[in-house]
PDB file of N, CA and C in Angstrom:
ATOM      1  N   MET A   1       4.965  11.228  -7.758  1.00  0.00           N
ATOM      2  CA  MET A   1       3.747  11.622  -7.100  1.00  0.00           C
ATOM      3  C   MET A   1       3.029  10.410  -6.503  1.00  0.00           C
ATOM      4  N   GLY A   2       3.134   9.289  -7.193  1.00  0.00           N
ATOM      5  CA  GLY A   2       2.499   8.080  -6.665  1.00  0.00           C
ATOM      6  C   GLY A   2       3.122   7.638  -5.353  1.00  0.00           C
ATOM      7  N   TRP A   3       4.438   7.762  -5.257  1.00  0.00           N
ATOM      8  CA  TRP A   3       5.115   7.383  -4.011  1.00  0.00           C
ATOM      9  C   TRP A   3       4.689   8.289  -2.863  1.00  0.00           C
ATOM     10  N   LEU A   4       4.579   9.594  -3.129  1.00  0.00           N
ATOM     11  CA  LEU A   4       4.171  10.528  -2.080  1.00  0.00           C
ATOM     12  C   LEU A   4       2.732  10.266  -1.636  1.00  0.00           C
ATOM     13  N   PHE A   5       1.855   9.992  -2.587  1.00  0.00           N
ATOM     14  CA  PHE A   5       0.469   9.673  -2.243  1.00  0.00           C
ATOM     15  C   PHE A   5       0.406   8.390  -1.419  1.00  0.00           C
ATOM     16  N   PHE A   6       1.199   7.395  -1.798  1.00  0.00           N
ATOM     17  CA  PHE A   6       1.210   6.130  -1.060  1.00  0.00           C
ATOM     18  C   PHE A   6       1.681   6.352   0.373  1.00  0.00           C
ATOM     19  N   LEU A   7       2.790   7.054   0.552  1.00  0.00           N
ATOM     20  CA  LEU A   7       3.331   7.259   1.903  1.00  0.00           C
ATOM     21  C   LEU A   7       2.383   8.105   2.758  1.00  0.00           C
ATOM     22  N   GLY A   8       1.851   9.179   2.189  1.00  0.00           N
ATOM     23  CA  GLY A   8       0.911  10.007   2.938  1.00  0.00           C
ATOM     24  C   GLY A   8      -0.382   9.276   3.252  1.00  0.00           C
ATOM     25  N   GLY A   9      -0.902   8.525   2.292  1.00  0.00           N
ATOM     26  CA  GLY A   9      -2.139   7.777   2.512  1.00  0.00           C
ATOM     27  C   GLY A   9      -1.991   6.684   3.541  1.00  0.00           C
ATOM     28  N   VAL A  10      -0.862   6.001   3.537  1.00  0.00           N
ATOM     29  CA  VAL A  10      -0.636   4.952   4.538  1.00  0.00           C
ATOM     30  C   VAL A  10      -0.505   5.580   5.925  1.00  0.00           C
ATOM     31  N   ALA A  11       0.159   6.739   6.009  1.00  0.00           N
ATOM     32  CA  ALA A  11       0.262   7.426   7.300  1.00  0.00           C
ATOM     33  C   ALA A  11      -1.123   7.843   7.801  1.00  0.00           C
ATOM     34  N   ILE A  12      -1.952   8.362   6.912  1.00  0.00           N
ATOM     35  CA  ILE A  12      -3.315   8.741   7.298  1.00  0.00           C
ATOM     36  C   ILE A  12      -4.112   7.516   7.731  1.00  0.00           C
ATOM     37  N   ASN A  13      -3.971   6.420   7.016  1.00  0.00           N
ATOM     38  CA  ASN A  13      -4.721   5.203   7.357  1.00  0.00           C
ATOM     39  C   ASN A  13      -4.280   4.627   8.695  1.00  0.00           C
ATOM     40  N   TYR A  14      -2.971   4.622   8.971  1.00  0.00           N
ATOM     41  CA  TYR A  14      -2.514   4.109  10.262  1.00  0.00           C
ATOM     42  C   TYR A  14      -2.974   5.008  11.398  1.00  0.00           C
ATOM     43  N   GLN A  15      -2.958   6.323  11.173  1.00  0.00           N
ATOM     44  CA  GLN A  15      -3.435   7.238  12.204  1.00  0.00           C
ATOM     45  C   GLN A  15      -4.938   7.050  12.429  1.00  0.00           C
ATOM     46  N   ALA A  16      -5.701   6.910  11.360  1.00  0.00           N
ATOM     47  CA  ALA A  16      -7.142   6.689  11.497  1.00  0.00           C
ATOM     48  C   ALA A  16      -7.421   5.340  12.157  1.00  0.00           C
ATOM     49  N   ARG A  17      -6.609   4.348  11.847  1.00  0.00           N
ATOM     50  CA  ARG A  17      -6.791   3.015  12.423  1.00  0.00           C
ATOM     51  C   ARG A  17      -6.529   3.038  13.929  1.00  0.00           C
ATOM     52  N   ARG A  18      -5.504   3.816  14.337  1.00  0.00           N
ATOM     53  CA  ARG A  18      -5.169   3.897  15.754  1.00  0.00           C
ATOM     54  C   ARG A  18      -6.247   4.623  16.545  1.00  0.00           C
ATOM     55  N   ARG A  19      -6.815   5.688  15.964  1.00  0.00           N
ATOM     56  CA  ARG A  19      -7.757   6.529  16.689  1.00  0.00           C
ATOM     57  C   ARG A  19      -9.198   6.043  16.631  1.00  0.00           C
ATOM     58  N   SER A  20      -9.561   5.276  15.633  1.00  0.00           N
ATOM     59  CA  SER A  20     -10.978   4.943  15.443  1.00  0.00           C
ATOM     60  C   SER A  20     -11.353   3.675  16.191  1.00  0.00           C
ATOM     61  N   LEU A  21     -12.642   3.541  16.350  1.00  0.00           N
ATOM     62  CA  LEU A  21     -13.169   2.311  16.915  1.00  0.00           C
ATOM     63  C   LEU A  21     -13.112   1.221  15.857  1.00  0.00           C
ATOM     64  N   PRO A  22     -13.106  -0.041  16.248  1.00  0.00           N
ATOM     65  CA  PRO A  22     -13.003  -1.121  15.262  1.00  0.00           C
ATOM     66  C   PRO A  22     -14.128  -1.132  14.225  1.00  0.00           C
ATOM     67  N   GLN A  23     -15.343  -0.703  14.609  1.00  0.00           N
ATOM     68  CA  GLN A  23     -16.431  -0.779  13.645  1.00  0.00           C
ATOM     69  C   GLN A  23     -16.475   0.411  12.701  1.00  0.00           C
ATOM     70  N   SER A  24     -15.826   1.516  13.033  1.00  0.00           N
ATOM     71  CA  SER A  24     -15.837   2.669  12.129  1.00  0.00           C
ATOM     72  C   SER A  24     -14.567   2.687  11.298  1.00  0.00           C
ATOM     73  N   ARG A  25     -14.713   3.030  10.023  1.00  0.00           N
ATOM     74  CA  ARG A  25     -13.565   3.056   9.104  1.00  0.00           C
ATOM     75  C   ARG A  25     -13.407   4.468   8.578  1.00  0.00           C
ATOM     76  N   ARG A  26     -12.368   5.139   9.031  1.00  0.00           N
ATOM     77  CA  ARG A  26     -12.065   6.463   8.533  1.00  0.00           C
ATOM     78  C   ARG A  26     -10.768   6.371   7.753  1.00  0.00           C
ATOM     79  N   GLY A  27     -10.431   7.435   7.094  1.00  0.00           N
ATOM     80  CA  GLY A  27      -9.213   7.430   6.298  1.00  0.00           C
ATOM     81  C   GLY A  27      -9.538   7.173   4.836  1.00  0.00           C
ATOM     82  N   ILE A  28      -8.527   6.825   4.091  1.00  0.00           N
ATOM     83  CA  ILE A  28      -8.672   6.548   2.668  1.00  0.00           C
ATOM     84  C   ILE A  28      -8.756   5.035   2.523  1.00  0.00           C
ATOM     85  N   PRO A  29      -9.873   4.468   2.084  1.00  0.00           N
ATOM     86  CA  PRO A  29     -10.077   3.019   2.173  1.00  0.00           C
ATOM     87  C   PRO A  29      -8.954   2.153   1.601  1.00  0.00           C
ATOM     88  N   PHE A  30      -8.802   2.057   0.317  1.00  0.00           N
ATOM     89  CA  PHE A  30      -7.793   1.162  -0.234  1.00  0.00           C
ATOM     90  C   PHE A  30      -6.922   1.849  -1.271  1.00  0.00           C
ATOM     91  N   LEU A  31      -7.139   3.122  -1.524  1.00  0.00           N
ATOM     92  CA  LEU A  31      -6.420   3.819  -2.585  1.00  0.00           C
ATOM     93  C   LEU A  31      -4.902   3.879  -2.394  1.00  0.00           C
ATOM     94  N   PRO A  32      -4.365   4.164  -1.201  1.00  0.00           N
ATOM     95  CA  PRO A  32      -2.905   4.232  -1.094  1.00  0.00           C
ATOM     96  C   PRO A  32      -2.207   2.921  -1.456  1.00  0.00           C
ATOM     97  N   GLY A  33      -2.775   1.795  -1.057  1.00  0.00           N
ATOM     98  CA  GLY A  33      -2.162   0.508  -1.400  1.00  0.00           C
ATOM     99  C   GLY A  33      -2.182   0.237  -2.892  1.00  0.00           C
ATOM    100  N   VAL A  34      -3.292   0.556  -3.534  1.00  0.00           N
ATOM    101  CA  VAL A  34      -3.416   0.324  -4.973  1.00  0.00           C
ATOM    102  C   VAL A  34      -2.503   1.276  -5.747  1.00  0.00           C
ATOM    103  N   VAL A  35      -2.471   2.542  -5.346  1.00  0.00           N
ATOM    104  CA  VAL A  35      -1.594   3.504  -6.020  1.00  0.00           C
ATOM    105  C   VAL A  35      -0.137   3.134  -5.813  1.00  0.00           C
ATOM    106  N   GLY A  36       0.224   2.696  -4.611  1.00  0.00           N
ATOM    107  CA  GLY A  36       1.602   2.262  -4.361  1.00  0.00           C
ATOM    108  C   GLY A  36       1.976   1.048  -5.191  1.00  0.00           C
ATOM    109  N   SER A  37       1.051   0.112  -5.315  1.00  0.00           N
ATOM    110  CA  SER A  37       1.310  -1.079  -6.115  1.00  0.00           C
ATOM    111  C   SER A  37       1.487  -0.725  -7.598  1.00  0.00           C
ATOM    112  N   LEU A  38       0.629   0.146  -8.106  1.00  0.00           N
ATOM    113  CA  LEU A  38       0.769   0.577  -9.506  1.00  0.00           C
ATOM    114  C   LEU A  38       2.052   1.370  -9.726  1.00  0.00           C
ATOM    115  N   THR A  39       2.436   2.170  -8.752  1.00  0.00           N
ATOM    116  CA  THR A  39       3.671   2.939  -8.865  1.00  0.00           C
ATOM    117  C   THR A  39       4.879   2.013  -8.928  1.00  0.00           C
ATOM    118  N   VAL A  40       4.887   0.986  -8.095  1.00  0.00           N
ATOM    119  CA  VAL A  40       5.990   0.010  -8.151  1.00  0.00           C
ATOM    120  C   VAL A  40       5.978  -0.707  -9.492  1.00  0.00           C
ATOM    121  N   PHE A  41       4.783  -1.065  -9.974  1.00  0.00           N
ATOM    122  CA  PHE A  41       4.661  -1.779 -11.241  1.00  0.00           C
ATOM    123  C   PHE A  41       5.281  -0.980 -12.383  1.00  0.00           C
ATOM    124  N   PHE A  42       5.057   0.338 -12.402  1.00  0.00           N
ATOM    125  CA  PHE A  42       5.610   1.155 -13.470  1.00  0.00           C
ATOM    126  C   PHE A  42       7.030   1.628 -13.185  1.00  0.00           C
ATOM    127  N   SER A  43       7.483   1.533 -11.940  1.00  0.00           N
ATOM    128  CA  SER A  43       8.852   1.936 -11.608  1.00  0.00           C
ATOM    129  C   SER A  43       9.870   0.848 -11.945  1.00  0.00           C
ATOM    130  N   ILE A  44       9.455  -0.405 -11.893  1.00  0.00           N
ATOM    131  CA  ILE A  44      10.405  -1.503 -12.144  1.00  0.00           C
ATOM    132  C   ILE A  44      10.952  -1.460 -13.568  1.00  0.00           C
ATOM    133  N   PRO A  45      10.139  -1.266 -14.619  1.00  0.00           N
ATOM    134  CA  PRO A  45      10.722  -1.145 -15.960  1.00  0.00           C
ATOM    135  C   PRO A  45      11.597   0.108 -16.119  1.00  0.00           C
ATOM    136  N   ALA A  46      11.236   1.189 -15.441  1.00  0.00           N
ATOM    137  CA  ALA A  46      12.060   2.395 -15.510  1.00  0.00           C
ATOM    138  C   ALA A  46      13.419   2.149 -14.860  1.00  0.00           C
ATOM    139  N   LEU A  47      13.434   1.416 -13.768  1.00  0.00           N
ATOM    140  CA  LEU A  47      14.705   1.071 -13.137  1.00  0.00           C
ATOM    141  C   LEU A  47      15.514   0.115 -13.998  1.00  0.00           C
ATOM    142  N   ALA A  48      14.848  -0.795 -14.699  1.00  0.00           N
ATOM    143  CA  ALA A  48      15.540  -1.737 -15.582  1.00  0.00           C
ATOM    144  C   ALA A  48      16.228  -1.000 -16.735  1.00  0.00           C
ATOM    145  N   LYS A  49      15.598   0.066 -17.230  1.00  0.00           N
ATOM    146  CA  LYS A  49      16.234   0.855 -18.289  1.00  0.00           C
ATOM    147  C   LYS A  49      17.500   1.548 -17.798  1.00  0.00           C
ATOM    148  N   LEU A  50      17.540   1.850 -16.493  1.00  0.00           N
ATOM    149  CA  LEU A  50      18.722   2.487 -15.909  1.00  0.00           C
ATOM    150  C   LEU A  50      19.780   1.472 -15.498  1.00  0.00           C
ATOM    151  N   GLY A  51      19.474   0.194 -15.653  1.00  0.00           N
ATOM    152  CA  GLY A  51      20.440  -0.853 -15.329  1.00  0.00           C
ATOM    153  C   GLY A  51      20.319  -1.399 -13.917  1.00  0.00           C
ATOM    154  N   VAL A  52      19.266  -1.048 -13.211  1.00  0.00           N
ATOM    155  CA  VAL A  52      19.048  -1.538 -11.853  1.00  0.00           C
ATOM    156  C   VAL A  52      18.104  -2.729 -11.924  1.00  0.00           C
ATOM    157  N   GLU A  53      18.575  -3.875 -11.471  1.00  0.00           N
ATOM    158  CA  GLU A  53      17.744  -5.076 -11.470  1.00  0.00           C
ATOM    159  C   GLU A  53      17.096  -5.236 -10.104  1.00  0.00           C
ATOM    160  N   VAL A  54      15.785  -5.341 -10.078  1.00  0.00           N
ATOM    161  CA  VAL A  54      15.032  -5.465  -8.827  1.00  0.00           C
ATOM    162  C   VAL A  54      14.758  -6.940  -8.587  1.00  0.00           C
ATOM    163  N   PRO A  55      15.274  -7.496  -7.460  1.00  0.00           N
ATOM    164  CA  PRO A  55      14.975  -8.893  -7.171  1.00  0.00           C
ATOM    165  C   PRO A  55      13.537  -9.053  -6.709  1.00  0.00           C
ATOM    166  N   TRP A  56      12.911 -10.142  -7.091  1.00  0.00           N
ATOM    167  CA  TRP A  56      11.548 -10.497  -6.712  1.00  0.00           C
ATOM    168  C   TRP A  56      10.571  -9.362  -7.016  1.00  0.00           C
ATOM    169  N   PRO A  57      10.341  -9.037  -8.271  1.00  0.00           N
ATOM    170  CA  PRO A  57       9.488  -7.882  -8.581  1.00  0.00           C
ATOM    171  C   PRO A  57       8.048  -8.027  -8.088  1.00  0.00           C
ATOM    172  N   TRP A  58       7.498  -9.240  -8.088  1.00  0.00           N
ATOM    173  CA  TRP A  58       6.116  -9.383  -7.635  1.00  0.00           C
ATOM    174  C   TRP A  58       5.978  -9.163  -6.144  1.00  0.00           C
ATOM    175  N   LEU A  59       7.020  -9.437  -5.389  1.00  0.00           N
ATOM    176  CA  LEU A  59       6.994  -9.135  -3.961  1.00  0.00           C
ATOM    177  C   LEU A  59       6.867  -7.631  -3.743  1.00  0.00           C
ATOM    178  N   TRP A  60       7.646  -6.862  -4.492  1.00  0.00           N
ATOM    179  CA  TRP A  60       7.623  -5.407  -4.332  1.00  0.00           C
ATOM    180  C   TRP A  60       6.322  -4.807  -4.865  1.00  0.00           C
ATOM    181  N   ILE A  61       5.707  -5.458  -5.840  1.00  0.00           N
ATOM    182  CA  ILE A  61       4.428  -4.971  -6.363  1.00  0.00           C
ATOM    183  C   ILE A  61       3.304  -5.239  -5.363  1.00  0.00           C
ATOM    184  N   LEU A  62       3.329  -6.366  -4.680  1.00  0.00           N
ATOM    185  CA  LEU A  62       2.272  -6.712  -3.731  1.00  0.00           C
ATOM    186  C   LEU A  62       2.499  -6.156  -2.327  1.00  0.00           C
ATOM    187  N   LEU A  63       3.723  -5.716  -2.036  1.00  0.00           N
ATOM    188  CA  LEU A  63       4.046  -5.221  -0.699  1.00  0.00           C
ATOM    189  C   LEU A  63       3.223  -3.996  -0.290  1.00  0.00           C
ATOM    190  N   PRO A  64       2.994  -2.997  -1.157  1.00  0.00           N
ATOM    191  CA  PRO A  64       2.139  -1.879  -0.725  1.00  0.00           C
ATOM    192  C   PRO A  64       0.719  -2.294  -0.365  1.00  0.00           C
ATOM    193  N   LEU A  65       0.208  -3.323  -1.001  1.00  0.00           N
ATOM    194  CA  LEU A  65      -1.125  -3.822  -0.651  1.00  0.00           C
ATOM    195  C   LEU A  65      -1.135  -4.455   0.734  1.00  0.00           C
ATOM    196  N   ALA A  66      -0.016  -5.053   1.135  1.00  0.00           N
ATOM    197  CA  ALA A  66       0.074  -5.679   2.453  1.00  0.00           C
ATOM    198  C   ALA A  66       0.361  -4.662   3.548  1.00  0.00           C
ATOM    199  N   ILE A  67       1.027  -3.557   3.208  1.00  0.00           N
ATOM    200  CA  ILE A  67       1.378  -2.550   4.211  1.00  0.00           C
ATOM    201  C   ILE A  67       0.176  -1.707   4.602  1.00  0.00           C
ATOM    202  N   ASP A  68      -0.685  -1.397   3.652  1.00  0.00           N
ATOM    203  CA  ASP A  68      -1.837  -0.534   3.912  1.00  0.00           C
ATOM    204  C   ASP A  68      -2.830  -1.258   4.829  1.00  0.00           C
ATOM    205  N   PRO A  69      -3.184  -0.655   5.987  1.00  0.00           N
ATOM    206  CA  PRO A  69      -4.053  -1.371   6.932  1.00  0.00           C
ATOM    207  C   PRO A  69      -5.485  -1.552   6.433  1.00  0.00           C
ATOM    208  N   PHE A  70      -5.935  -0.753   5.457  1.00  0.00           N
ATOM    209  CA  PHE A  70      -7.295  -0.903   4.949  1.00  0.00           C
ATOM    210  C   PHE A  70      -7.332  -1.662   3.631  1.00  0.00           C
ATOM    211  N   CYS A  71      -6.221  -2.241   3.222  1.00  0.00           N
ATOM    212  CA  CYS A  71      -6.178  -2.989   1.967  1.00  0.00           C
ATOM    213  C   CYS A  71      -6.152  -4.481   2.298  1.00  0.00           C
ATOM    214  N   ALA A  72      -5.215  -5.218   1.770  1.00  0.00           N
ATOM    215  CA  ALA A  72      -5.165  -6.671   1.977  1.00  0.00           C
ATOM    216  C   ALA A  72      -4.950  -7.031   3.450  1.00  0.00           C
ATOM    217  N   ALA A  73      -4.105  -6.277   4.144  1.00  0.00           N
ATOM    218  CA  ALA A  73      -3.852  -6.573   5.556  1.00  0.00           C
ATOM    219  C   ALA A  73      -5.108  -6.368   6.390  1.00  0.00           C
ATOM    220  N   GLY A  74      -5.853  -5.327   6.069  1.00  0.00           N
ATOM    221  CA  GLY A  74      -7.111  -5.089   6.785  1.00  0.00           C
ATOM    222  C   GLY A  74      -8.144  -6.155   6.500  1.00  0.00           C
ATOM    223  N   LEU A  75      -8.210  -6.613   5.269  1.00  0.00           N
ATOM    224  CA  LEU A  75      -9.147  -7.683   4.937  1.00  0.00           C
ATOM    225  C   LEU A  75      -8.800  -8.977   5.649  1.00  0.00           C
ATOM    226  N   LEU A  76      -7.518  -9.282   5.762  1.00  0.00           N
ATOM    227  CA  LEU A  76      -7.113 -10.483   6.492  1.00  0.00           C
ATOM    228  C   LEU A  76      -7.433 -10.354   7.971  1.00  0.00           C
ATOM    229  N   ARG A  77      -7.248  -9.159   8.509  1.00  0.00           N
ATOM    230  CA  ARG A  77      -7.549  -8.938   9.916  1.00  0.00           C
ATOM    231  C   ARG A  77      -9.047  -9.088  10.172  1.00  0.00           C
ATOM    232  N   LEU A  78      -9.876  -8.577   9.249  1.00  0.00           N
ATOM    233  CA  LEU A  78     -11.326  -8.735   9.421  1.00  0.00           C
ATOM    234  C   LEU A  78     -11.760 -10.184   9.263  1.00  0.00           C
ATOM    235  N   ALA A  79     -11.133 -10.913   8.372  1.00  0.00           N
ATOM    236  CA  ALA A  79     -11.494 -12.317   8.157  1.00  0.00           C
ATOM    237  C   ALA A  79     -11.110 -13.173   9.347  1.00  0.00           C
ATOM    238  N   ARG A  80     -10.072 -12.752  10.060  1.00  0.00           N
ATOM    239  CA  ARG A  80      -9.595 -13.521  11.205  1.00  0.00           C
ATOM    240  C   ARG A  80     -10.529 -13.383  12.406  1.00  0.00           C
ATOM    241  N   LYS A  81     -11.273 -12.259  12.483  1.00  0.00           N
ATOM    242  CA  LYS A  81     -12.157 -12.017  13.642  1.00  0.00           C
ATOM    243  C   LYS A  81     -13.400 -12.821  13.581  1.00  0.00           C
TER     244      LYS A  81
END
């Protein structure tokens, strides 16, 4: 369920980002990135129990925060302006 929420929320955020003016923020603020990051965090030990080794686990944990336009990527974009 966390993966579905992350994918749907990121799609909503990108659509809201494309349609909205720069000063207005619509969509789901930072929840999809945080939920995606937590989902990866709890999925890595479950995959390890199945014998799947995930290379660079912290990269995969932080990647949903970077993908979401209203999370870390959005904050960097605002700081750059």
